[in-house]
């Protein structure tokens, strides 16, 4: 299943994927982990370096995997994953696919659409329920287990899809924290002046260094 963004990207992806299939040869078994993050409404991703297409723009993050010279044994990653916020709105959506090509070669394609609850939120109920509700922790969305391939039968290899919501303080919260910090500095400074006056009784508390200020 592809989003409209994924469909427009696919011709260039397909050419690159075919080229990799020709030159890569047998793929060693590995355990891939793709982590998508919504950081206060901005997308981020952690993707294996050898994925040929990856990156984020203002609306989505994409991770197109290197072709696996193997077939899919099990896949627990849904085609479309709706992620809910604690209020029951759809916060993010992930569209995932694994496509079998000649060879056989299998290509994984993940796209995260983030920050969906910042403008006109869509409720989880309206999409038939969200797959998960974010809680700030790294949450596993599913795993693909790879099986026998075209060149050889590899050891068990997996691709795991993960998600995390990272809250960021609002500007108003930052202002409050800054104001409290300045208040603390003022209190500390006053206490320091009081301590100096107590140590030198002949100096008025409002006198500065070098003044006689005797009572």
Protein backbone atom coordinates (compact mmCIF):
# COMPACT_ATOMS: atom_id res chain seq x y z
CA UNK A 1 0.00 0.00 0.00
CA UNK A 2 1.46 3.34 -1.03
CA UNK A 3 0.65 6.94 -0.09
CA UNK A 4 0.40 9.59 -2.81
CA UNK A 5 3.88 10.76 -1.80
CA UNK A 6 5.31 7.27 -2.06
CA UNK A 7 3.75 6.78 -5.51
CA UNK A 8 5.36 9.95 -6.89
CA UNK A 9 8.74 8.86 -5.54
CA UNK A 10 8.49 5.27 -6.81
CA UNK A 11 9.86 5.63 -10.41
CA UNK A 12 13.21 6.99 -9.17
CA UNK A 13 13.22 4.46 -6.34
CA UNK A 14 12.59 1.58 -8.72
CA UNK A 15 15.56 2.50 -10.95
CA UNK A 16 17.87 2.71 -7.95
CA UNK A 17 16.55 -0.54 -6.50
CA UNK A 18 17.07 -2.44 -9.77
CA UNK A 19 20.65 -1.13 -9.95
CA UNK A 20 21.33 -2.30 -6.44
CA UNK A 21 19.90 -5.73 -7.22
CA UNK A 22 22.33 -6.09 -10.14
CA UNK A 23 25.45 -5.00 -8.23
CA UNK A 24 24.84 -6.02 -4.62
CA UNK A 25 24.59 -9.78 -5.05
CA UNK A 26 23.81 -11.87 -2.00
CA UNK A 27 22.81 -9.85 1.06
CA UNK A 28 24.24 -10.93 4.40
CA UNK A 29 21.82 -11.59 7.19
CA UNK A 30 21.28 -8.62 9.48
CA UNK A 31 18.85 -7.11 11.92
CA UNK A 32 17.62 -3.75 10.65
CA UNK A 33 15.83 -1.27 12.91
CA UNK A 34 13.98 1.74 11.51
CA UNK A 35 12.99 4.28 14.19
CA UNK A 36 10.58 7.11 13.35
CA UNK A 37 10.15 9.97 15.82
CA UNK A 38 7.66 12.80 16.16
CA UNK A 39 9.54 15.47 18.10
CA UNK A 40 6.86 17.96 19.06
CA UNK A 41 5.30 17.85 15.59
CA UNK A 42 8.56 17.58 13.63
CA UNK A 43 9.67 14.32 12.05
CA UNK A 44 12.98 12.55 12.55
CA UNK A 45 14.30 9.09 11.73
CA UNK A 46 17.11 6.68 12.51
CA UNK A 47 17.68 4.41 9.52
CA UNK A 48 20.51 1.99 8.62
CA UNK A 49 23.12 3.88 6.58
CA UNK A 50 22.92 1.47 3.63
CA UNK A 51 19.26 2.31 2.92
CA UNK A 52 19.48 4.03 -0.50
CA UNK A 53 16.61 6.49 0.02
CA UNK A 54 15.92 8.17 3.36
CA UNK A 55 15.19 11.59 4.80
CA UNK A 56 12.50 13.97 6.08
CA UNK A 57 10.81 17.08 4.72
CA UNK A 58 8.14 19.34 6.24
CA UNK A 59 5.39 16.68 6.17
CA UNK A 60 6.88 13.19 6.08
CA UNK A 61 9.93 10.94 6.52
CA UNK A 62 10.75 8.10 4.13
CA UNK A 63 12.95 5.01 4.54
CA UNK A 64 13.35 2.80 1.46
CA UNK A 65 15.34 -0.30 2.24
CA UNK A 66 18.11 -1.94 0.28
CA UNK A 67 16.80 -4.91 -1.72
CA UNK A 68 16.87 -8.16 0.23
CA UNK A 69 17.85 -11.22 -1.77
CA UNK A 70 15.27 -13.19 0.18
CA UNK A 71 11.59 -13.81 0.68
CA UNK A 72 9.35 -12.81 3.58
CA UNK A 73 8.66 -15.53 6.16
CA UNK A 74 6.51 -13.43 8.51
CA UNK A 75 5.44 -9.79 8.54
CA UNK A 76 3.65 -8.29 11.56
CA UNK A 77 3.88 -4.67 10.35
CA UNK A 78 0.44 -3.35 9.27
CA UNK A 79 0.13 -1.63 5.88
CA UNK A 80 -1.16 1.53 7.55
CA UNK A 81 -0.41 2.38 11.17
CA UNK A 82 -2.37 5.12 12.94
CA UNK A 83 -0.73 6.53 16.06
CA UNK A 84 -2.95 8.26 18.60
CA UNK A 85 -2.28 10.95 21.18
CA UNK A 86 -3.65 10.77 24.75
CA UNK A 87 -6.69 12.86 23.67
CA UNK A 88 -7.74 10.29 21.06
CA UNK A 89 -6.58 12.21 17.98
CA UNK A 90 -4.43 10.80 15.18
CA UNK A 91 -0.94 12.15 15.85
CA UNK A 92 0.97 10.36 13.08
CA UNK A 93 0.47 7.84 10.29
CA UNK A 94 2.95 5.30 8.91
CA UNK A 95 2.44 3.63 5.53
CA UNK A 96 4.49 0.45 5.15
CA UNK A 97 4.99 -2.05 2.34
CA UNK A 98 7.18 -4.97 1.37
CA UNK A 99 7.20 -5.65 -2.36
CA UNK A 100 8.45 -8.86 -3.98
CA UNK A 101 10.32 -8.44 -7.26
CA UNK A 102 11.90 -10.90 -9.65
CA UNK A 103 14.80 -12.81 -8.27
CA UNK A 104 13.22 -12.99 -5.74
CA UNK A 105 14.13 -9.60 -4.31
CA UNK A 106 12.10 -7.91 -1.59
CA UNK A 107 12.10 -4.16 -0.99
CA UNK A 108 10.73 -2.52 2.16
CA UNK A 109 9.26 0.97 2.05
CA UNK A 110 8.22 3.00 5.12
CA UNK A 111 6.75 6.53 5.16
CA UNK A 112 5.91 8.49 8.32
CA UNK A 113 3.43 11.39 8.12
CA UNK A 114 3.91 13.41 11.30
CA UNK A 115 2.28 16.24 13.24
CA UNK A 116 -1.24 15.39 12.07
CA UNK A 117 -2.85 16.58 15.33
CA UNK A 118 -1.40 20.10 15.20
CA UNK A 119 -3.97 21.70 12.89
CA UNK A 120 -7.32 20.01 12.23
CA UNK A 121 -7.04 16.78 14.19
CA UNK A 122 -8.62 13.56 12.96
CA UNK A 123 -9.87 11.27 15.71
CA UNK A 124 -8.80 7.68 16.15
CA UNK A 125 -12.47 6.69 16.09
CA UNK A 126 -12.91 8.17 12.61
CA UNK A 127 -10.16 5.92 11.16
CA UNK A 128 -11.40 2.76 12.83
CA UNK A 129 -9.09 2.98 15.82
CA UNK A 130 -5.41 3.78 16.28
CA UNK A 131 -2.88 0.95 16.39
CA UNK A 132 -1.05 2.46 19.36
CA UNK A 133 -1.24 5.48 21.66
CA UNK A 134 2.12 7.12 22.15
CA UNK A 135 3.54 7.22 25.66
CA UNK A 136 6.99 8.75 25.15
CA UNK A 137 8.78 5.40 25.07
CA UNK A 138 10.17 3.65 21.99
CA UNK A 139 7.30 1.44 20.78
CA UNK A 140 7.69 -1.54 18.44
CA UNK A 141 5.18 -1.52 15.57
CA UNK A 142 6.09 -4.86 14.01
CA UNK A 143 8.82 -7.03 12.53
CA UNK A 144 9.56 -8.63 9.15
CA UNK A 145 11.41 -11.96 9.26
CA UNK A 146 13.32 -12.88 6.11
CA UNK A 147 13.48 -16.39 4.63
CA UNK A 148 15.13 -18.28 1.74
CA UNK A 149 16.54 -16.12 -1.03
CA UNK A 150 17.60 -16.21 -4.66
CA UNK A 151 21.33 -16.87 -4.15
CA UNK A 152 21.36 -18.66 -0.82
CA UNK A 153 19.36 -19.49 2.26
CA UNK A 154 20.48 -16.83 4.77
CA UNK A 155 20.40 -17.11 8.55
CA UNK A 156 17.38 -15.54 10.23
CA UNK A 157 17.33 -11.80 9.53
CA UNK A 158 14.77 -9.22 10.60
CA UNK A 159 13.59 -5.68 9.96
CA UNK A 160 11.91 -3.99 12.93
CA UNK A 161 9.83 -0.80 12.74
CA UNK A 162 9.77 1.44 15.84
CA UNK A 163 8.16 4.75 16.83
CA UNK A 164 8.66 7.33 19.56
CA UNK A 165 6.94 10.60 20.45
CA UNK A 166 9.24 13.16 22.06
CA UNK A 167 7.48 16.11 23.69
CA UNK A 168 9.10 19.55 23.53
CA UNK A 169 8.36 22.40 25.98
CA UNK A 170 6.01 25.10 24.69
CA UNK A 171 7.38 28.69 24.47
CA UNK A 172 5.19 29.78 27.39
CA UNK A 173 6.65 26.99 29.52
CA UNK A 174 10.18 28.07 28.62
CA UNK A 175 9.37 31.65 29.67
CA UNK A 176 8.08 30.45 33.04
CA UNK A 177 11.22 28.39 33.59
CA UNK A 178 13.42 31.38 32.67
CA UNK A 179 11.51 33.65 35.08
CA UNK A 180 11.90 31.15 37.92
CA UNK A 181 15.62 30.87 37.19
CA UNK A 182 16.05 34.67 37.37
CA UNK A 183 14.14 34.76 40.67
CA UNK A 184 16.46 32.11 42.10
CA UNK A 185 19.51 34.11 41.02
CA UNK A 186 18.10 37.23 42.72
CA UNK A 187 17.48 35.36 45.99
CA UNK A 188 20.99 33.88 45.95
CA UNK A 189 22.54 37.32 45.32
CA UNK A 190 20.62 38.89 48.21
CA UNK A 191 21.65 36.11 50.56
CA UNK A 192 25.29 36.59 49.56
CA UNK A 193 25.10 40.32 50.36
CA UNK A 194 23.48 39.56 53.73
CA UNK A 195 26.20 37.04 54.55
CA UNK A 196 28.94 39.59 53.80
CA UNK A 197 27.27 42.22 56.01
CA UNK A 198 27.02 39.74 58.89
CA UNK A 199 30.71 38.93 58.57
CA UNK A 200 31.68 42.64 58.65
CA UNK A 201 29.48 44.36 61.31
CA UNK A 202 31.09 47.76 60.71
CA UNK A 203 29.72 47.84 57.16
CA UNK A 204 26.19 48.80 56.36
CA UNK A 205 24.40 46.16 54.33
CA UNK A 206 23.86 48.60 51.49
CA UNK A 207 27.47 49.75 51.44
CA UNK A 208 29.75 48.52 48.75
CA UNK A 209 33.40 47.48 49.08
CA UNK A 210 35.81 50.26 50.09
CA UNK A 211 33.23 52.42 51.87
CA UNK A 212 33.58 53.07 55.58
CA UNK A 213 29.88 53.12 56.31
CA UNK A 214 30.33 52.75 60.02
CA UNK A 215 27.32 53.00 62.27
